Amino acid sequence: MISEERVRPREEVIQRTYYVVFVDDVDKEYKELRRKGANFVKPPTTQTGGWRTAHFEDPDGNLWEISQRPKK
């Protein structure tokens, strides 16, 4: 879901960890995190099956996904 360029697999300096956090409203959390200065590498997107996700990196270079389950 994240392009290879954004993942930076050839960068040997950064050891990346990938975290996923489930939230009730991805768009709300995205706006709040952006307001606080989070560096998003992919804005909120609806995935196959209805999942809504967004991805950002923290100051240490770790990748975070905020994920919302499909609405019923």
PDB file of N, CA and C in Angstrom:
ATOM      1  N   MET A   1       0.797  -1.190   0.000  1.00  0.00           N
ATOM      2  CA  MET A   1       0.000   0.000   0.000  1.00  0.00           C
ATOM      3  C   MET A   1       0.847   1.266   0.000  1.00  0.00           C
ATOM      4  N   ILE A   2       2.123   1.151   0.370  1.00  0.00           N
ATOM      5  CA  ILE A   2       3.028   2.297   0.358  1.00  0.00           C
ATOM      6  C   ILE A   2       4.055   2.043  -0.729  1.00  0.00           C
ATOM      7  N   SER A   3       4.351   3.044  -1.521  1.00  0.00           N
ATOM      8  CA  SER A   3       5.297   2.855  -2.615  1.00  0.00           C
ATOM      9  C   SER A   3       6.680   2.509  -2.086  1.00  0.00           C
ATOM     10  N   GLU A   4       7.447   1.799  -2.887  1.00  0.00           N
ATOM     11  CA  GLU A   4       8.801   1.401  -2.500  1.00  0.00           C
ATOM     12  C   GLU A   4       9.660   2.623  -2.196  1.00  0.00           C
ATOM     13  N   GLU A   5       9.461   3.686  -2.947  1.00  0.00           N
ATOM     14  CA  GLU A   5      10.230   4.908  -2.719  1.00  0.00           C
ATOM     15  C   GLU A   5       9.994   5.459  -1.312  1.00  0.00           C
ATOM     16  N   ARG A   6       8.745   5.414  -0.837  1.00  0.00           N
ATOM     17  CA  ARG A   6       8.423   5.940   0.495  1.00  0.00           C
ATOM     18  C   ARG A   6       8.931   5.012   1.601  1.00  0.00           C
ATOM     19  N   VAL A   7       9.011   3.729   1.333  1.00  0.00           N
ATOM     20  CA  VAL A   7       9.492   2.779   2.336  1.00  0.00           C
ATOM     21  C   VAL A   7      11.008   2.874   2.506  1.00  0.00           C
ATOM     22  N   ARG A   8      11.713   3.316   1.480  1.00  0.00           N
ATOM     23  CA  ARG A   8      13.167   3.494   1.473  1.00  0.00           C
ATOM     24  C   ARG A   8      13.926   2.204   1.838  1.00  0.00           C
ATOM     25  N   PRO A   9      13.709   1.116   1.107  1.00  0.00           N
ATOM     26  CA  PRO A   9      14.337  -0.154   1.476  1.00  0.00           C
ATOM     27  C   PRO A   9      15.857  -0.182   1.316  1.00  0.00           C
ATOM     28  N   ARG A  10      16.397   0.687   0.499  1.00  0.00           N
ATOM     29  CA  ARG A  10      17.844   0.672   0.274  1.00  0.00           C
ATOM     30  C   ARG A  10      18.602   1.542   1.262  1.00  0.00           C
ATOM     31  N   GLU A  11      17.896   2.272   2.079  1.00  0.00           N
ATOM     32  CA  GLU A  11      18.531   3.153   3.052  1.00  0.00           C
ATOM     33  C   GLU A  11      19.007   2.320   4.240  1.00  0.00           C
ATOM     34  N   GLU A  12      20.300   2.190   4.385  1.00  0.00           N
ATOM     35  CA  GLU A  12      20.860   1.310   5.400  1.00  0.00           C
ATOM     36  C   GLU A  12      20.975   1.955   6.771  1.00  0.00           C
ATOM     37  N   VAL A  13      20.843   3.251   6.840  1.00  0.00           N
ATOM     38  CA  VAL A  13      21.026   3.953   8.109  1.00  0.00           C
ATOM     39  C   VAL A  13      19.838   3.769   9.036  1.00  0.00           C
ATOM     40  N   ILE A  14      18.632   3.697   8.468  1.00  0.00           N
ATOM     41  CA  ILE A  14      17.421   3.642   9.280  1.00  0.00           C
ATOM     42  C   ILE A  14      16.924   2.196   9.394  1.00  0.00           C
ATOM     43  N   GLN A  15      16.751   1.758  10.628  1.00  0.00           N
ATOM     44  CA  GLN A  15      16.089   0.479  10.892  1.00  0.00           C
ATOM     45  C   GLN A  15      14.621   0.810  11.080  1.00  0.00           C
ATOM     46  N   ARG A  16      13.764   0.355  10.209  1.00  0.00           N
ATOM     47  CA  ARG A  16      12.347   0.703  10.281  1.00  0.00           C
ATOM     48  C   ARG A  16      11.531  -0.388  10.934  1.00  0.00           C
ATOM     49  N   THR A  17      10.568   0.053  11.709  1.00  0.00           N
ATOM     50  CA  THR A  17       9.566  -0.831  12.275  1.00  0.00           C
ATOM     51  C   THR A  17       8.221  -0.351  11.767  1.00  0.00           C
ATOM     52  N   TYR A  18       7.299  -1.260  11.583  1.00  0.00           N
ATOM     53  CA  TYR A  18       5.973  -0.935  11.051  1.00  0.00           C
ATOM     54  C   TYR A  18       4.937  -1.216  12.128  1.00  0.00           C
ATOM     55  N   TYR A  19       4.159  -0.196  12.478  1.00  0.00           N
ATOM     56  CA  TYR A  19       3.120  -0.316  13.499  1.00  0.00           C
ATOM     57  C   TYR A  19       1.765  -0.049  12.864  1.00  0.00           C
ATOM     58  N   VAL A  20       0.737  -0.707  13.397  1.00  0.00           N
ATOM     59  CA  VAL A  20      -0.639  -0.467  12.963  1.00  0.00           C
ATOM     60  C   VAL A  20      -1.475  -0.173  14.199  1.00  0.00           C
ATOM     61  N   VAL A  21      -2.254   0.907  14.118  1.00  0.00           N
ATOM     62  CA  VAL A  21      -3.156   1.283  15.202  1.00  0.00           C
ATOM     63  C   VAL A  21      -4.556   1.387  14.606  1.00  0.00           C
ATOM     64  N   PHE A  22      -5.521   0.722  15.241  1.00  0.00           N
ATOM     65  CA  PHE A  22      -6.897   0.771  14.775  1.00  0.00           C
ATOM     66  C   PHE A  22      -7.624   1.918  15.466  1.00  0.00           C
ATOM     67  N   VAL A  23      -8.318   2.717  14.666  1.00  0.00           N
ATOM     68  CA  VAL A  23      -9.033   3.883  15.178  1.00  0.00           C
ATOM     69  C   VAL A  23     -10.471   3.856  14.657  1.00  0.00           C
ATOM     70  N   ASP A  24     -11.320   4.680  15.267  1.00  0.00           N
ATOM     71  CA  ASP A  24     -12.720   4.744  14.838  1.00  0.00           C
ATOM     72  C   ASP A  24     -12.910   5.601  13.596  1.00  0.00           C
ATOM     73  N   ASP A  25     -12.062   6.615  13.411  1.00  0.00           N
ATOM     74  CA  ASP A  25     -12.229   7.553  12.299  1.00  0.00           C
ATOM     75  C   ASP A  25     -10.856   7.991  11.784  1.00  0.00           C
ATOM     76  N   VAL A  26     -10.400   7.377  10.706  1.00  0.00           N
ATOM     77  CA  VAL A  26      -9.080   7.673  10.144  1.00  0.00           C
ATOM     78  C   VAL A  26      -8.960   9.137   9.743  1.00  0.00           C
ATOM     79  N   ASP A  27      -9.993   9.683   9.134  1.00  0.00           N
ATOM     80  CA  ASP A  27      -9.909  11.068   8.660  1.00  0.00           C
ATOM     81  C   ASP A  27      -9.754  12.050   9.821  1.00  0.00           C
ATOM     82  N   LYS A  28     -10.470  11.815  10.890  1.00  0.00           N
ATOM     83  CA  LYS A  28     -10.364  12.668  12.081  1.00  0.00           C
ATOM     84  C   LYS A  28      -8.954  12.589  12.669  1.00  0.00           C
ATOM     85  N   GLU A  29      -8.431  11.364  12.813  1.00  0.00           N
ATOM     86  CA  GLU A  29      -7.096  11.178  13.376  1.00  0.00           C
ATOM     87  C   GLU A  29      -6.020  11.768  12.462  1.00  0.00           C
ATOM     88  N   TYR A  30      -6.215  11.609  11.157  1.00  0.00           N
ATOM     89  CA  TYR A  30      -5.281  12.178  10.179  1.00  0.00           C
ATOM     90  C   TYR A  30      -5.188  13.693  10.352  1.00  0.00           C
ATOM     91  N   LYS A  31      -6.330  14.362  10.430  1.00  0.00           N
ATOM     92  CA  LYS A  31      -6.331  15.821  10.606  1.00  0.00           C
ATOM     93  C   LYS A  31      -5.640  16.221  11.909  1.00  0.00           C
ATOM     94  N   GLU A  32      -5.927  15.500  12.973  1.00  0.00           N
ATOM     95  CA  GLU A  32      -5.330  15.828  14.273  1.00  0.00           C
ATOM     96  C   GLU A  32      -3.815  15.600  14.262  1.00  0.00           C
ATOM     97  N   LEU A  33      -3.380  14.491  13.707  1.00  0.00           N
ATOM     98  CA  LEU A  33      -1.946  14.201  13.660  1.00  0.00           C
ATOM     99  C   LEU A  33      -1.210  15.177  12.744  1.00  0.00           C
ATOM    100  N   ARG A  34      -1.806  15.538  11.636  1.00  0.00           N
ATOM    101  CA  ARG A  34      -1.191  16.544  10.745  1.00  0.00           C
ATOM    102  C   ARG A  34      -1.072  17.878  11.462  1.00  0.00           C
ATOM    103  N   ARG A  35      -2.113  18.236  12.208  1.00  0.00           N
ATOM    104  CA  ARG A  35      -2.094  19.485  12.967  1.00  0.00           C
ATOM    105  C   ARG A  35      -0.929  19.499  13.965  1.00  0.00           C
ATOM    106  N   LYS A  36      -0.613  18.320  14.478  1.00  0.00           N
ATOM    107  CA  LYS A  36       0.482  18.192  15.447  1.00  0.00           C
ATOM    108  C   LYS A  36       1.836  18.012  14.772  1.00  0.00           C
ATOM    109  N   GLY A  37       1.860  17.984  13.423  1.00  0.00           N
ATOM    110  CA  GLY A  37       3.119  17.935  12.694  1.00  0.00           C
ATOM    111  C   GLY A  37       3.560  16.576  12.191  1.00  0.00           C
ATOM    112  N   ALA A  38       2.679  15.571  12.231  1.00  0.00           N
ATOM    113  CA  ALA A  38       3.052  14.240  11.730  1.00  0.00           C
ATOM    114  C   ALA A  38       3.375  14.307  10.243  1.00  0.00           C
ATOM    115  N   ASN A  39       4.392  13.547   9.832  1.00  0.00           N
ATOM    116  CA  ASN A  39       4.842  13.498   8.442  1.00  0.00           C
ATOM    117  C   ASN A  39       4.172  12.314   7.734  1.00  0.00           C
ATOM    118  N   PHE A  40       3.036  12.570   7.078  1.00  0.00           N
ATOM    119  CA  PHE A  40       2.316  11.500   6.396  1.00  0.00           C
ATOM    120  C   PHE A  40       2.963  11.195   5.054  1.00  0.00           C
ATOM    121  N   VAL A  41       3.144   9.906   4.799  1.00  0.00           N
ATOM    122  CA  VAL A  41       3.687   9.454   3.522  1.00  0.00           C
ATOM    123  C   VAL A  41       2.565   8.998   2.594  1.00  0.00           C
ATOM    124  N   LYS A  42       1.368   8.803   3.171  1.00  0.00           N
ATOM    125  CA  LYS A  42       0.191   8.459   2.357  1.00  0.00           C
ATOM    126  C   LYS A  42      -1.051   8.938   3.102  1.00  0.00           C
ATOM    127  N   PRO A  43      -1.855   9.794   2.467  1.00  0.00           N
ATOM    128  CA  PRO A  43      -3.057  10.306   3.116  1.00  0.00           C
ATOM    129  C   PRO A  43      -4.128   9.219   3.217  1.00  0.00           C
ATOM    130  N   PRO A  44      -5.237   9.514   3.897  1.00  0.00           N
ATOM    131  CA  PRO A  44      -6.310   8.516   4.011  1.00  0.00           C
ATOM    132  C   PRO A  44      -6.770   8.007   2.645  1.00  0.00           C
ATOM    133  N   THR A  45      -6.857   6.697   2.556  1.00  0.00           N
ATOM    134  CA  THR A  45      -7.230   6.014   1.325  1.00  0.00           C
ATOM    135  C   THR A  45      -8.157   4.851   1.676  1.00  0.00           C
ATOM    136  N   THR A  46      -9.150   4.612   0.862  1.00  0.00           N
ATOM    137  CA  THR A  46     -10.025   3.461   1.066  1.00  0.00           C
ATOM    138  C   THR A  46      -9.443   2.277   0.306  1.00  0.00           C
ATOM    139  N   GLN A  47      -9.220   1.195   1.023  1.00  0.00           N
ATOM    140  CA  GLN A  47      -8.625  -0.012   0.461  1.00  0.00           C
ATOM    141  C   GLN A  47      -9.712  -0.996   0.028  1.00  0.00           C
ATOM    142  N   THR A  48      -9.315  -2.033  -0.667  1.00  0.00           N
ATOM    143  CA  THR A  48     -10.219  -3.110  -1.042  1.00  0.00           C
ATOM    144  C   THR A  48     -10.870  -3.664   0.223  1.00  0.00           C
ATOM    145  N   GLY A  49     -12.144  -3.887   0.177  1.00  0.00           N
ATOM    146  CA  GLY A  49     -12.847  -4.422   1.334  1.00  0.00           C
ATOM    147  C   GLY A  49     -13.373  -3.334   2.259  1.00  0.00           C
ATOM    148  N   GLY A  50     -13.088  -2.062   1.940  1.00  0.00           N
ATOM    149  CA  GLY A  50     -13.626  -0.969   2.731  1.00  0.00           C
ATOM    150  C   GLY A  50     -12.755  -0.437   3.843  1.00  0.00           C
ATOM    151  N   TRP A  51     -11.599  -1.063   4.071  1.00  0.00           N
ATOM    152  CA  TRP A  51     -10.681  -0.553   5.096  1.00  0.00           C
ATOM    153  C   TRP A  51     -10.204   0.832   4.691  1.00  0.00           C
ATOM    154  N   ARG A  52     -10.095   1.738   5.648  1.00  0.00           N
ATOM    155  CA  ARG A  52      -9.593   3.089   5.396  1.00  0.00           C
ATOM    156  C   ARG A  52      -8.280   3.225   6.165  1.00  0.00           C
ATOM    157  N   THR A  53      -7.210   3.607   5.460  1.00  0.00           N
ATOM    158  CA  THR A  53      -5.890   3.671   6.080  1.00  0.00           C
ATOM    159  C   THR A  53      -5.167   4.965   5.712  1.00  0.00           C
ATOM    160  N   ALA A  54      -4.198   5.317   6.540  1.00  0.00           N
ATOM    161  CA  ALA A  54      -3.271   6.412   6.263  1.00  0.00           C
ATOM    162  C   ALA A  54      -1.941   6.022   6.902  1.00  0.00           C
ATOM    163  N   HIS A  55      -0.835   6.526   6.360  1.00  0.00           N
ATOM    164  CA  HIS A  55       0.494   6.130   6.833  1.00  0.00           C
ATOM    165  C   HIS A  55       1.373   7.352   7.087  1.00  0.00           C
ATOM    166  N   PHE A  56       2.091   7.314   8.204  1.00  0.00           N
ATOM    167  CA  PHE A  56       3.027   8.392   8.511  1.00  0.00           C
ATOM    168  C   PHE A  56       4.295   7.800   9.103  1.00  0.00           C
ATOM    169  N   GLU A  57       5.348   8.614   9.136  1.00  0.00           N
ATOM    170  CA  GLU A  57       6.578   8.157   9.771  1.00  0.00           C
ATOM    171  C   GLU A  57       6.854   9.033  10.980  1.00  0.00           C
ATOM    172  N   ASP A  58       7.411   8.411  12.015  1.00  0.00           N
ATOM    173  CA  ASP A  58       7.752   9.160  13.220  1.00  0.00           C
ATOM    174  C   ASP A  58       9.180   9.702  13.103  1.00  0.00           C
ATOM    175  N   PRO A  59       9.625  10.502  14.066  1.00  0.00           N
ATOM    176  CA  PRO A  59      10.962  11.103  13.976  1.00  0.00           C
ATOM    177  C   PRO A  59      12.109  10.094  13.876  1.00  0.00           C
ATOM    178  N   ASP A  60      11.863   8.843  14.329  1.00  0.00           N
ATOM    179  CA  ASP A  60      12.903   7.809  14.252  1.00  0.00           C
ATOM    180  C   ASP A  60      12.854   7.040  12.933  1.00  0.00           C
ATOM    181  N   GLY A  61      11.910   7.395  12.050  1.00  0.00           N
ATOM    182  CA  GLY A  61      11.813   6.740  10.750  1.00  0.00           C
ATOM    183  C   GLY A  61      10.913   5.529  10.722  1.00  0.00           C
ATOM    184  N   ASN A  62      10.251   5.201  11.837  1.00  0.00           N
ATOM    185  CA  ASN A  62       9.321   4.081  11.853  1.00  0.00           C
ATOM    186  C   ASN A  62       8.058   4.434  11.081  1.00  0.00           C
ATOM    187  N   LEU A  63       7.468   3.453  10.437  1.00  0.00           N
ATOM    188  CA  LEU A  63       6.223   3.659   9.698  1.00  0.00           C
ATOM    189  C   LEU A  63       5.035   3.275  10.572  1.00  0.00           C
ATOM    190  N   TRP A  64       4.021   4.121  10.559  1.00  0.00           N
ATOM    191  CA  TRP A  64       2.787   3.895  11.305  1.00  0.00           C
ATOM    192  C   TRP A  64       1.624   3.890  10.339  1.00  0.00           C
ATOM    193  N   GLU A  65       0.706   2.966  10.562  1.00  0.00           N
ATOM    194  CA  GLU A  65      -0.545   2.942   9.822  1.00  0.00           C
ATOM    195  C   GLU A  65      -1.662   3.193  10.812  1.00  0.00           C
ATOM    196  N   ILE A  66      -2.549   4.138  10.485  1.00  0.00           N
ATOM    197  CA  ILE A  66      -3.792   4.234  11.230  1.00  0.00           C
ATOM    198  C   ILE A  66      -4.852   3.601  10.344  1.00  0.00           C
ATOM    199  N   SER A  67      -5.641   2.716  10.911  1.00  0.00           N
ATOM    200  CA  SER A  67      -6.543   1.885  10.130  1.00  0.00           C
ATOM    201  C   SER A  67      -7.937   1.879  10.744  1.00  0.00           C
ATOM    202  N   GLN A  68      -8.931   1.997   9.874  1.00  0.00           N
ATOM    203  CA  GLN A  68     -10.337   1.989  10.281  1.00  0.00           C
ATOM    204  C   GLN A  68     -11.041   0.821   9.624  1.00  0.00           C
ATOM    205  N   ARG A  69     -11.710   0.033  10.431  1.00  0.00           N
ATOM    206  CA  ARG A  69     -12.463  -1.115   9.900  1.00  0.00           C
ATOM    207  C   ARG A  69     -13.592  -0.629   8.985  1.00  0.00           C
ATOM    208  N   PRO A  70     -14.000  -1.459   8.035  1.00  0.00           N
ATOM    209  CA  PRO A  70     -15.119  -1.073   7.157  1.00  0.00           C
ATOM    210  C   PRO A  70     -16.378  -0.806   7.970  1.00  0.00           C
ATOM    211  N   LYS A  71     -17.124   0.198   7.554  1.00  0.00           N
ATOM    212  CA  LYS A  71     -18.396   0.492   8.223  1.00  0.00           C
ATOM    213  C   LYS A  71     -19.443  -0.500   7.743  1.00  0.00           C
ATOM    214  N   LYS A  72     -20.262  -0.949   8.655  1.00  0.00           N
ATOM    215  CA  LYS A  72     -21.292  -1.942   8.333  1.00  0.00           C
ATOM    216  C   LYS A  72     -22.563  -1.281   7.899  1.00  0.00           C
TER     217      LYS A  72
END
